[in-house]
Amino acid sequence: MFKWIDKSNYMGLFHNNSIHGKGTYVWSDGRKYVGDWKLNKMHGNGVFTWRDGRRYTGEYRDDKKHGYGEFFWPDGRYYKGEWKNGKQSGKGKYITMQGIERMGEW
């Protein structure tokens, strides 16, 4: 049975006492994840933001960036492409602060 729970740092679905389904988790340092969860781990699609303005939008597997995702830095840089086990891996495009594109394999 799925339950909607609102606790001090998590609001979302639980299943068998695990964070599971759609939900939002906010850490005490200001980090925030909104998206899919599976057995207490970020798993599926979501958006992770940091207090300093960094943002990742994309796929997760077992708490790690995995699959297609887009990472944005507050200074205007960004990476759009593939991730594996939390790291840029595979085809991707990186844009510098000056707008210079670098495409390739990571």
PDB file of N, CA and C in Angstrom:
ATOM      1  N   MET A   1       0.833  -1.180   0.000  1.00  0.00           N
ATOM      2  CA  MET A   1       0.000   0.000   0.000  1.00  0.00           C
ATOM      3  C   MET A   1       0.882   1.250   0.000  1.00  0.00           C
ATOM      4  N   PHE A   2       0.549   2.208  -0.844  1.00  0.00           N
ATOM      5  CA  PHE A   2       1.278   3.472  -0.910  1.00  0.00           C
ATOM      6  C   PHE A   2       0.624   4.481   0.009  1.00  0.00           C
ATOM      7  N   LYS A   3       1.450   5.252   0.719  1.00  0.00           N
ATOM      8  CA  LYS A   3       0.952   6.293   1.614  1.00  0.00           C
ATOM      9  C   LYS A   3       1.653   7.597   1.280  1.00  0.00           C
ATOM     10  N   TRP A   4       0.916   8.686   1.368  1.00  0.00           N
ATOM     11  CA  TRP A   4       1.488  10.018   1.199  1.00  0.00           C
ATOM     12  C   TRP A   4       1.905  10.504   2.581  1.00  0.00           C
ATOM     13  N   ILE A   5       3.187  10.827   2.739  1.00  0.00           N
ATOM     14  CA  ILE A   5       3.730  11.233   4.031  1.00  0.00           C
ATOM     15  C   ILE A   5       4.303  12.642   3.921  1.00  0.00           C
ATOM     16  N   ASP A   6       4.070  13.435   4.931  1.00  0.00           N
ATOM     17  CA  ASP A   6       4.663  14.772   5.011  1.00  0.00           C
ATOM     18  C   ASP A   6       5.467  14.831   6.296  1.00  0.00           C
ATOM     19  N   LYS A   7       6.795  14.699   6.168  1.00  0.00           N
ATOM     20  CA  LYS A   7       7.692  14.794   7.320  1.00  0.00           C
ATOM     21  C   LYS A   7       8.484  16.079   7.183  1.00  0.00           C
ATOM     22  N   SER A   8       9.330  16.383   8.137  1.00  0.00           N
ATOM     23  CA  SER A   8      10.051  17.651   8.137  1.00  0.00           C
ATOM     24  C   SER A   8      10.930  17.842   6.910  1.00  0.00           C
ATOM     25  N   ASN A   9      11.519  16.791   6.355  1.00  0.00           N
ATOM     26  CA  ASN A   9      12.386  16.962   5.203  1.00  0.00           C
ATOM     27  C   ASN A   9      11.939  16.185   3.962  1.00  0.00           C
ATOM     28  N   TYR A  10      10.854  15.422   4.047  1.00  0.00           N
ATOM     29  CA  TYR A  10      10.355  14.650   2.906  1.00  0.00           C
ATOM     30  C   TYR A  10       8.839  14.760   2.808  1.00  0.00           C
ATOM     31  N   MET A  11       8.380  14.974   1.583  1.00  0.00           N
ATOM     32  CA  MET A  11       6.950  14.935   1.336  1.00  0.00           C
ATOM     33  C   MET A  11       6.741  14.070   0.090  1.00  0.00           C
ATOM     34  N   GLY A  12       6.005  13.004   0.245  1.00  0.00           N
ATOM     35  CA  GLY A  12       5.779  12.140  -0.898  1.00  0.00           C
ATOM     36  C   GLY A  12       5.258  10.784  -0.507  1.00  0.00           C
ATOM     37  N   LEU A  13       5.429   9.856  -1.433  1.00  0.00           N
ATOM     38  CA  LEU A  13       4.893   8.516  -1.264  1.00  0.00           C
ATOM     39  C   LEU A  13       5.878   7.591  -0.544  1.00  0.00           C
ATOM     40  N   PHE A  14       5.307   6.696   0.250  1.00  0.00           N
ATOM     41  CA  PHE A  14       6.037   5.630   0.919  1.00  0.00           C
ATOM     42  C   PHE A  14       5.378   4.310   0.532  1.00  0.00           C
ATOM     43  N   HIS A  15       6.171   3.254   0.496  1.00  0.00           N
ATOM     44  CA  HIS A  15       5.652   1.915   0.268  1.00  0.00           C
ATOM     45  C   HIS A  15       6.485   0.966   1.122  1.00  0.00           C
ATOM     46  N   ASN A  16       5.832   0.199   1.978  1.00  0.00           N
ATOM     47  CA  ASN A  16       6.527  -0.733   2.891  1.00  0.00           C
ATOM     48  C   ASN A  16       7.656  -0.031   3.659  1.00  0.00           C
ATOM     49  N   ASN A  17       7.352   1.129   4.225  1.00  0.00           N
ATOM     50  CA  ASN A  17       8.284   1.923   5.029  1.00  0.00           C
ATOM     51  C   ASN A  17       9.504   2.444   4.265  1.00  0.00           C
ATOM     52  N   SER A  18       9.413   2.506   2.955  1.00  0.00           N
ATOM     53  CA  SER A  18      10.486   3.060   2.127  1.00  0.00           C
ATOM     54  C   SER A  18       9.960   4.228   1.317  1.00  0.00           C
ATOM     55  N   ILE A  19      10.824   5.227   1.094  1.00  0.00           N
ATOM     56  CA  ILE A  19      10.483   6.305   0.155  1.00  0.00           C
ATOM     57  C   ILE A  19      10.393   5.652  -1.213  1.00  0.00           C
ATOM     58  N   HIS A  20       9.242   5.745  -1.840  1.00  0.00           N
ATOM     59  CA  HIS A  20       8.999   5.002  -3.079  1.00  0.00           C
ATOM     60  C   HIS A  20       7.883   5.680  -3.860  1.00  0.00           C
ATOM     61  N   GLY A  21       8.179   6.124  -5.078  1.00  0.00           N
ATOM     62  CA  GLY A  21       7.200   6.845  -5.893  1.00  0.00           C
ATOM     63  C   GLY A  21       7.629   8.296  -6.029  1.00  0.00           C
ATOM     64  N   LYS A  22       6.686   9.170  -6.253  1.00  0.00           N
ATOM     65  CA  LYS A  22       6.981  10.601  -6.411  1.00  0.00           C
ATOM     66  C   LYS A  22       7.157  11.258  -5.053  1.00  0.00           C
ATOM     67  N   GLY A  23       8.169  12.146  -4.962  1.00  0.00           N
ATOM     68  CA  GLY A  23       8.351  12.841  -3.705  1.00  0.00           C
ATOM     69  C   GLY A  23       9.413  13.919  -3.775  1.00  0.00           C
ATOM     70  N   THR A  24       9.459  14.706  -2.710  1.00  0.00           N
ATOM     71  CA  THR A  24      10.416  15.799  -2.581  1.00  0.00           C
ATOM     72  C   THR A  24      11.166  15.641  -1.269  1.00  0.00           C
ATOM     73  N   TYR A  25      12.498  15.712  -1.350  1.00  0.00           N
ATOM     74  CA  TYR A  25      13.343  15.632  -0.157  1.00  0.00           C
ATOM     75  C   TYR A  25      14.199  16.889  -0.111  1.00  0.00           C
ATOM     76  N   VAL A  26      14.248  17.525   1.068  1.00  0.00           N
ATOM     77  CA  VAL A  26      15.061  18.724   1.261  1.00  0.00           C
ATOM     78  C   VAL A  26      16.060  18.444   2.389  1.00  0.00           C
ATOM     79  N   TRP A  27      17.359  18.587   2.078  1.00  0.00           N
ATOM     80  CA  TRP A  27      18.409  18.383   3.059  1.00  0.00           C
ATOM     81  C   TRP A  27      18.601  19.661   3.866  1.00  0.00           C
ATOM     82  N   SER A  28      19.174  19.541   5.046  1.00  0.00           N
ATOM     83  CA  SER A  28      19.365  20.692   5.939  1.00  0.00           C
ATOM     84  C   SER A  28      20.309  21.742   5.348  1.00  0.00           C
ATOM     85  N   ASP A  29      21.178  21.355   4.412  1.00  0.00           N
ATOM     86  CA  ASP A  29      22.099  22.315   3.798  1.00  0.00           C
ATOM     87  C   ASP A  29      21.497  23.019   2.578  1.00  0.00           C
ATOM     88  N   GLY A  30      20.215  22.761   2.298  1.00  0.00           N
ATOM     89  CA  GLY A  30      19.528  23.449   1.212  1.00  0.00           C
ATOM     90  C   GLY A  30      19.414  22.674  -0.092  1.00  0.00           C
ATOM     91  N   ARG A  31      20.076  21.529  -0.186  1.00  0.00           N
ATOM     92  CA  ARG A  31      19.912  20.708  -1.390  1.00  0.00           C
ATOM     93  C   ARG A  31      18.481  20.195  -1.450  1.00  0.00           C
ATOM     94  N   LYS A  32      17.986  20.000  -2.684  1.00  0.00           N
ATOM     95  CA  LYS A  32      16.601  19.559  -2.833  1.00  0.00           C
ATOM     96  C   LYS A  32      16.483  18.650  -4.056  1.00  0.00           C
ATOM     97  N   TYR A  33      15.741  17.563  -3.889  1.00  0.00           N
ATOM     98  CA  TYR A  33      15.449  16.652  -4.999  1.00  0.00           C
ATOM     99  C   TYR A  33      13.939  16.496  -5.106  1.00  0.00           C
ATOM    100  N   VAL A  34      13.447  16.671  -6.319  1.00  0.00           N
ATOM    101  CA  VAL A  34      12.030  16.478  -6.616  1.00  0.00           C
ATOM    102  C   VAL A  34      11.957  15.468  -7.751  1.00  0.00           C
ATOM    103  N   GLY A  35      11.319  14.321  -7.493  1.00  0.00           N
ATOM    104  CA  GLY A  35      11.240  13.333  -8.562  1.00  0.00           C
ATOM    105  C   GLY A  35      10.866  11.962  -8.075  1.00  0.00           C
ATOM    106  N   ASP A  36      11.357  10.981  -8.822  1.00  0.00           N
ATOM    107  CA  ASP A  36      11.024   9.574  -8.588  1.00  0.00           C
ATOM    108  C   ASP A  36      11.994   8.955  -7.583  1.00  0.00           C
ATOM    109  N   TRP A  37      11.438   8.077  -6.752  1.00  0.00           N
ATOM    110  CA  TRP A  37      12.194   7.355  -5.734  1.00  0.00           C
ATOM    111  C   TRP A  37      11.891   5.868  -5.850  1.00  0.00           C
ATOM    112  N   LYS A  38      12.874   5.055  -5.482  1.00  0.00           N
ATOM    113  CA  LYS A  38      12.672   3.604  -5.412  1.00  0.00           C
ATOM    114  C   LYS A  38      13.471   3.086  -4.230  1.00  0.00           C
ATOM    115  N   LEU A  39      12.781   2.545  -3.243  1.00  0.00           N
ATOM    116  CA  LEU A  39      13.412   1.944  -2.068  1.00  0.00           C
ATOM    117  C   LEU A  39      14.438   2.885  -1.427  1.00  0.00           C
ATOM    118  N   ASN A  40      14.008   4.109  -1.124  1.00  0.00           N
ATOM    119  CA  ASN A  40      14.805   5.138  -0.445  1.00  0.00           C
ATOM    120  C   ASN A  40      15.924   5.743  -1.289  1.00  0.00           C
ATOM    121  N   LYS A  41      15.938   5.493  -2.587  1.00  0.00           N
ATOM    122  CA  LYS A  41      16.972   6.049  -3.450  1.00  0.00           C
ATOM    123  C   LYS A  41      16.339   6.829  -4.600  1.00  0.00           C
ATOM    124  N   MET A  42      17.031   7.894  -5.032  1.00  0.00           N
ATOM    125  CA  MET A  42      16.592   8.617  -6.224  1.00  0.00           C
ATOM    126  C   MET A  42      16.715   7.640  -7.386  1.00  0.00           C
ATOM    127  N   HIS A  43      15.632   7.438  -8.104  1.00  0.00           N
ATOM    128  CA  HIS A  43      15.615   6.424  -9.153  1.00  0.00           C
ATOM    129  C   HIS A  43      14.501   6.776 -10.137  1.00  0.00           C
ATOM    130  N   GLY A  44      14.881   7.086 -11.373  1.00  0.00           N
ATOM    131  CA  GLY A  44      13.915   7.551 -12.372  1.00  0.00           C
ATOM    132  C   GLY A  44      14.263   8.980 -12.750  1.00  0.00           C
ATOM    133  N   ASN A  45      13.264   9.782 -13.024  1.00  0.00           N
ATOM    134  CA  ASN A  45      13.493  11.171 -13.433  1.00  0.00           C
ATOM    135  C   ASN A  45      13.319  12.128 -12.270  1.00  0.00           C
ATOM    136  N   GLY A  46      14.168  13.168 -12.262  1.00  0.00           N
ATOM    137  CA  GLY A  46      14.051  14.147 -11.201  1.00  0.00           C
ATOM    138  C   GLY A  46      14.883  15.384 -11.444  1.00  0.00           C
ATOM    139  N   VAL A  47      14.723  16.323 -10.529  1.00  0.00           N
ATOM    140  CA  VAL A  47      15.478  17.578 -10.558  1.00  0.00           C
ATOM    141  C   VAL A  47      16.151  17.742  -9.202  1.00  0.00           C
ATOM    142  N   PHE A  48      17.472  17.910  -9.229  1.00  0.00           N
ATOM    143  CA  PHE A  48      18.259  18.100  -8.012  1.00  0.00           C
ATOM    144  C   PHE A  48      18.828  19.509  -8.072  1.00  0.00           C
ATOM    145  N   THR A  49      18.611  20.291  -7.014  1.00  0.00           N
ATOM    146  CA  THR A  49      19.139  21.647  -6.971  1.00  0.00           C
ATOM    147  C   THR A  49      20.002  21.836  -5.736  1.00  0.00           C
ATOM    148  N   TRP A  50      20.996  22.713  -5.863  1.00  0.00           N
ATOM    149  CA  TRP A  50      21.882  23.069  -4.781  1.00  0.00           C
ATOM    150  C   TRP A  50      21.632  24.522  -4.412  1.00  0.00           C
ATOM    151  N   ARG A  51      21.932  24.872  -3.196  1.00  0.00           N
ATOM    152  CA  ARG A  51      21.715  26.231  -2.692  1.00  0.00           C
ATOM    153  C   ARG A  51      22.479  27.276  -3.517  1.00  0.00           C
ATOM    154  N   ASP A  52      23.646  26.901  -4.071  1.00  0.00           N
ATOM    155  CA  ASP A  52      24.466  27.852  -4.831  1.00  0.00           C
ATOM    156  C   ASP A  52      23.990  28.068  -6.274  1.00  0.00           C
ATOM    157  N   GLY A  53      22.901  27.394  -6.670  1.00  0.00           N
ATOM    158  CA  GLY A  53      22.334  27.600  -8.000  1.00  0.00           C
ATOM    159  C   GLY A  53      22.595  26.492  -9.003  1.00  0.00           C
ATOM    160  N   ARG A  54      23.408  25.513  -8.656  1.00  0.00           N
ATOM    161  CA  ARG A  54      23.609  24.376  -9.562  1.00  0.00           C
ATOM    162  C   ARG A  54      22.305  23.587  -9.666  1.00  0.00           C
ATOM    163  N   ARG A  55      22.102  22.963 -10.840  1.00  0.00           N
ATOM    164  CA  ARG A  55      20.878  22.178 -11.036  1.00  0.00           C
ATOM    165  C   ARG A  55      21.153  21.034 -12.013  1.00  0.00           C
ATOM    166  N   TYR A  56      20.651  19.860 -11.645  1.00  0.00           N
ATOM    167  CA  TYR A  56      20.684  18.695 -12.531  1.00  0.00           C
ATOM    168  C   TYR A  56      19.251  18.270 -12.790  1.00  0.00           C
ATOM    169  N   THR A  57      18.933  18.094 -14.057  1.00  0.00           N
ATOM    170  CA  THR A  57      17.618  17.606 -14.458  1.00  0.00           C
ATOM    171  C   THR A  57      17.846  16.377 -15.320  1.00  0.00           C
ATOM    172  N   GLY A  58      17.308  15.235 -14.884  1.00  0.00           N
ATOM    173  CA  GLY A  58      17.518  14.041 -15.692  1.00  0.00           C
ATOM    174  C   GLY A  58      17.236  12.757 -14.956  1.00  0.00           C
ATOM    175  N   GLU A  59      17.898  11.728 -15.433  1.00  0.00           N
ATOM    176  CA  GLU A  59      17.652  10.379 -14.940  1.00  0.00           C
ATOM    177  C   GLU A  59      18.619   9.997 -13.814  1.00  0.00           C
ATOM    178  N   TYR A  60      18.090   9.189 -12.910  1.00  0.00           N
ATOM    179  CA  TYR A  60      18.856   8.632 -11.804  1.00  0.00           C
ATOM    180  C   TYR A  60      18.672   7.125 -11.766  1.00  0.00           C
ATOM    181  N   ARG A  61      19.705   6.453 -11.269  1.00  0.00           N
ATOM    182  CA  ARG A  61      19.610   5.028 -10.950  1.00  0.00           C
ATOM    183  C   ARG A  61      20.367   4.817  -9.649  1.00  0.00           C
ATOM    184  N   ASP A  62      19.686   4.288  -8.649  1.00  0.00           N
ATOM    185  CA  ASP A  62      20.312   3.989  -7.341  1.00  0.00           C
ATOM    186  C   ASP A  62      21.082   5.179  -6.770  1.00  0.00           C
ATOM    187  N   ASP A  63      20.433   6.349  -6.724  1.00  0.00           N
ATOM    188  CA  ASP A  63      20.997   7.579  -6.134  1.00  0.00           C
ATOM    189  C   ASP A  63      22.083   8.242  -6.973  1.00  0.00           C
ATOM    190  N   LYS A  64      22.344   7.772  -8.190  1.00  0.00           N
ATOM    191  CA  LYS A  64      23.394   8.350  -9.026  1.00  0.00           C
ATOM    192  C   LYS A  64      22.815   8.817 -10.359  1.00  0.00           C
ATOM    193  N   LYS A  65      23.391   9.899 -10.892  1.00  0.00           N
ATOM    194  CA  LYS A  65      23.003  10.349 -12.229  1.00  0.00           C
ATOM    195  C   LYS A  65      23.328   9.219 -13.188  1.00  0.00           C
ATOM    196  N   HIS A  66      22.351   8.824 -13.990  1.00  0.00           N
ATOM    197  CA  HIS A  66      22.556   7.678 -14.880  1.00  0.00           C
ATOM    198  C   HIS A  66      21.531   7.749 -16.004  1.00  0.00           C
ATOM    199  N   GLY A  67      22.016   7.798 -17.253  1.00  0.00           N
ATOM    200  CA  GLY A  67      21.132   7.981 -18.400  1.00  0.00           C
ATOM    201  C   GLY A  67      21.316   9.399 -18.929  1.00  0.00           C
ATOM    202  N   TYR A  68      20.278   9.985 -19.503  1.00  0.00           N
ATOM    203  CA  TYR A  68      20.388  11.342 -20.041  1.00  0.00           C
ATOM    204  C   TYR A  68      20.120  12.363 -18.942  1.00  0.00           C
ATOM    205  N   GLY A  69      20.944  13.416 -18.936  1.00  0.00           N
ATOM    206  CA  GLY A  69      20.731  14.475 -17.965  1.00  0.00           C
ATOM    207  C   GLY A  69      21.375  15.778 -18.392  1.00  0.00           C
ATOM    208  N   GLU A  70      20.914  16.855 -17.768  1.00  0.00           N
ATOM    209  CA  GLU A  70      21.424  18.189 -18.046  1.00  0.00           C
ATOM    210  C   GLU A  70      21.848  18.831 -16.735  1.00  0.00           C
ATOM    211  N   PHE A  71      23.108  19.308 -16.706  1.00  0.00           N
ATOM    212  CA  PHE A  71      23.656  19.928 -15.503  1.00  0.00           C
ATOM    213  C   PHE A  71      23.972  21.383 -15.817  1.00  0.00           C
ATOM    214  N   PHE A  72      23.470  22.282 -14.977  1.00  0.00           N
ATOM    215  CA  PHE A  72      23.645  23.722 -15.176  1.00  0.00           C
ATOM    216  C   PHE A  72      24.382  24.318 -13.981  1.00  0.00           C
ATOM    217  N   TRP A  73      25.384  25.156 -14.267  1.00  0.00           N
ATOM    218  CA  TRP A  73      26.111  25.885 -13.242  1.00  0.00           C
ATOM    219  C   TRP A  73      25.577  27.313 -13.192  1.00  0.00           C
ATOM    220  N   PRO A  74      25.654  27.980 -12.042  1.00  0.00           N
ATOM    221  CA  PRO A  74      25.117  29.337 -11.919  1.00  0.00           C
ATOM    222  C   PRO A  74      25.834  30.372 -12.794  1.00  0.00           C
ATOM    223  N   ASP A  75      27.057  30.073 -13.240  1.00  0.00           N
ATOM    224  CA  ASP A  75      27.793  31.026 -14.076  1.00  0.00           C
ATOM    225  C   ASP A  75      27.451  30.916 -15.563  1.00  0.00           C
ATOM    226  N   GLY A  76      26.502  30.031 -15.916  1.00  0.00           N
ATOM    227  CA  GLY A  76      26.058  29.912 -17.301  1.00  0.00           C
ATOM    228  C   GLY A  76      26.560  28.687 -18.040  1.00  0.00           C
ATOM    229  N   ARG A  77      27.528  27.978 -17.494  1.00  0.00           N
ATOM    230  CA  ARG A  77      28.001  26.750 -18.137  1.00  0.00           C
ATOM    231  C   ARG A  77      26.937  25.673 -18.019  1.00  0.00           C
ATOM    232  N   TYR A  78      26.943  24.733 -18.963  1.00  0.00           N
ATOM    233  CA  TYR A  78      26.074  23.574 -18.810  1.00  0.00           C
ATOM    234  C   TYR A  78      26.569  22.396 -19.621  1.00  0.00           C
ATOM    235  N   TYR A  79      26.130  21.217 -19.210  1.00  0.00           N
ATOM    236  CA  TYR A  79      26.424  19.961 -19.896  1.00  0.00           C
ATOM    237  C   TYR A  79      25.096  19.270 -20.151  1.00  0.00           C
ATOM    238  N   LYS A  80      24.923  18.813 -21.376  1.00  0.00           N
ATOM    239  CA  LYS A  80      23.743  18.027 -21.732  1.00  0.00           C
ATOM    240  C   LYS A  80      24.232  16.755 -22.388  1.00  0.00           C
ATOM    241  N   GLY A  81      23.856  15.620 -21.792  1.00  0.00           N
ATOM    242  CA  GLY A  81      24.311  14.372 -22.377  1.00  0.00           C
ATOM    243  C   GLY A  81      24.134  13.188 -21.457  1.00  0.00           C
ATOM    244  N   GLU A  82      24.930  12.183 -21.732  1.00  0.00           N
ATOM    245  CA  GLU A  82      24.822  10.909 -21.030  1.00  0.00           C
ATOM    246  C   GLU A  82      25.636  10.899 -19.741  1.00  0.00           C
ATOM    247  N   TRP A  83      25.121  10.139 -18.769  1.00  0.00           N
ATOM    248  CA  TRP A  83      25.753   9.950 -17.464  1.00  0.00           C
ATOM    249  C   TRP A  83      25.780   8.456 -17.162  1.00  0.00           C
ATOM    250  N   LYS A  84      26.774   8.060 -16.397  1.00  0.00           N
ATOM    251  CA  LYS A  84      26.857   6.673 -15.946  1.00  0.00           C
ATOM    252  C   LYS A  84      27.460   6.669 -14.552  1.00  0.00           C
ATOM    253  N   ASN A  85      26.776   6.052 -13.608  1.00  0.00           N
ATOM    254  CA  ASN A  85      27.239   5.943 -12.221  1.00  0.00           C
ATOM    255  C   ASN A  85      27.661   7.288 -11.626  1.00  0.00           C
ATOM    256  N   GLY A  86      26.892   8.330 -11.914  1.00  0.00           N
ATOM    257  CA  GLY A  86      27.131   9.636 -11.321  1.00  0.00           C
ATOM    258  C   GLY A  86      28.106  10.530 -12.064  1.00  0.00           C
ATOM    259  N   LYS A  87      28.684  10.057 -13.169  1.00  0.00           N
ATOM    260  CA  LYS A  87      29.677  10.831 -13.911  1.00  0.00           C
ATOM    261  C   LYS A  87      29.276  10.983 -15.372  1.00  0.00           C
ATOM    262  N   GLN A  88      29.749  12.073 -15.980  1.00  0.00           N
ATOM    263  CA  GLN A  88      29.519  12.272 -17.407  1.00  0.00           C
ATOM    264  C   GLN A  88      30.177  11.116 -18.138  1.00  0.00           C
ATOM    265  N   SER A  89      29.408  10.442 -18.981  1.00  0.00           N
ATOM    266  CA  SER A  89      29.926   9.277 -19.672  1.00  0.00           C
ATOM    267  C   SER A  89      29.113   9.051 -20.936  1.00  0.00           C
ATOM    268  N   GLY A  90      29.795   8.951 -22.070  1.00  0.00           N
ATOM    269  CA  GLY A  90      29.098   8.784 -23.336  1.00  0.00           C
ATOM    270  C   GLY A  90      29.028  10.114 -24.074  1.00  0.00           C
ATOM    271  N   LYS A  91      28.094  10.222 -24.995  1.00  0.00           N
ATOM    272  CA  LYS A  91      27.965  11.425 -25.819  1.00  0.00           C
ATOM    273  C   LYS A  91      27.385  12.571 -25.014  1.00  0.00           C
ATOM    274  N   GLY A  92      27.970  13.762 -25.244  1.00  0.00           N
ATOM    275  CA  GLY A  92      27.464  14.922 -24.545  1.00  0.00           C
ATOM    276  C   GLY A  92      27.943  16.214 -25.162  1.00  0.00           C
ATOM    277  N   LYS A  93      27.356  17.292 -24.688  1.00  0.00           N
ATOM    278  CA  LYS A  93      27.708  18.630 -25.156  1.00  0.00           C
ATOM    279  C   LYS A  93      27.923  19.513 -23.940  1.00  0.00           C
ATOM    280  N   TYR A  94      29.075  20.193 -23.910  1.00  0.00           N
ATOM    281  CA  TYR A  94      29.415  21.109 -22.837  1.00  0.00           C
ATOM    282  C   TYR A  94      29.485  22.507 -23.436  1.00  0.00           C
ATOM    283  N   ILE A  95      28.841  23.461 -22.786  1.00  0.00           N
ATOM    284  CA  ILE A  95      28.846  24.857 -23.224  1.00  0.00           C
ATOM    285  C   ILE A  95      29.572  25.684 -22.165  1.00  0.00           C
ATOM    286  N   THR A  96      30.588  26.436 -22.583  1.00  0.00           N
ATOM    287  CA  THR A  96      31.348  27.266 -21.658  1.00  0.00           C
ATOM    288  C   THR A  96      30.579  28.543 -21.323  1.00  0.00           C
ATOM    289  N   MET A  97      31.109  29.321 -20.376  1.00  0.00           N
ATOM    290  CA  MET A  97      30.504  30.605 -20.013  1.00  0.00           C
ATOM    291  C   MET A  97      30.459  31.543 -21.212  1.00  0.00           C
ATOM    292  N   GLN A  98      31.401  31.389 -22.137  1.00  0.00           N
ATOM    293  CA  GLN A  98      31.455  32.238 -23.320  1.00  0.00           C
ATOM    294  C   GLN A  98      30.571  31.723 -24.457  1.00  0.00           C
ATOM    295  N   GLY A  99      29.902  30.589 -24.238  1.00  0.00           N
ATOM    296  CA  GLY A  99      29.012  30.031 -25.247  1.00  0.00           C
ATOM    297  C   GLY A  99      29.689  29.115 -26.245  1.00  0.00           C
ATOM    298  N   ILE A 100      30.923  28.728 -25.974  1.00  0.00           N
ATOM    299  CA  ILE A 100      31.649  27.821 -26.862  1.00  0.00           C
ATOM    300  C   ILE A 100      31.177  26.401 -26.617  1.00  0.00           C
ATOM    301  N   GLU A 101      30.786  25.708 -27.698  1.00  0.00           N
ATOM    302  CA  GLU A 101      30.291  24.334 -27.592  1.00  0.00           C
ATOM    303  C   GLU A 101      31.420  23.333 -27.767  1.00  0.00           C
ATOM    304  N   ARG A 102      31.398  22.333 -26.934  1.00  0.00           N
ATOM    305  CA  ARG A 102      32.321  21.200 -27.067  1.00  0.00           C
ATOM    306  C   ARG A 102      31.488  19.930 -27.049  1.00  0.00           C
ATOM    307  N   MET A 103      31.491  19.237 -28.153  1.00  0.00           N
ATOM    308  CA  MET A 103      30.731  17.987 -28.243  1.00  0.00           C
ATOM    309  C   MET A 103      31.713  16.827 -28.328  1.00  0.00           C
ATOM    310  N   GLY A 104      31.317  15.693 -27.755  1.00  0.00           N
ATOM    311  CA  GLY A 104      32.183  14.541 -27.841  1.00  0.00           C
ATOM    312  C   GLY A 104      31.796  13.431 -26.907  1.00  0.00           C
ATOM    313  N   GLU A 105      32.727  12.539 -26.702  1.00  0.00           N
ATOM    314  CA  GLU A 105      32.552  11.403 -25.792  1.00  0.00           C
ATOM    315  C   GLU A 105      33.213  11.748 -24.467  1.00  0.00           C
ATOM    316  N   TRP A 106      32.547  11.432 -23.377  1.00  0.00           N
ATOM    317  CA  TRP A 106      33.076  11.719 -22.034  1.00  0.00           C
ATOM    318  C   TRP A 106      33.452  10.421 -21.360  1.00  0.00           C
TER     319      TRP A 106
END
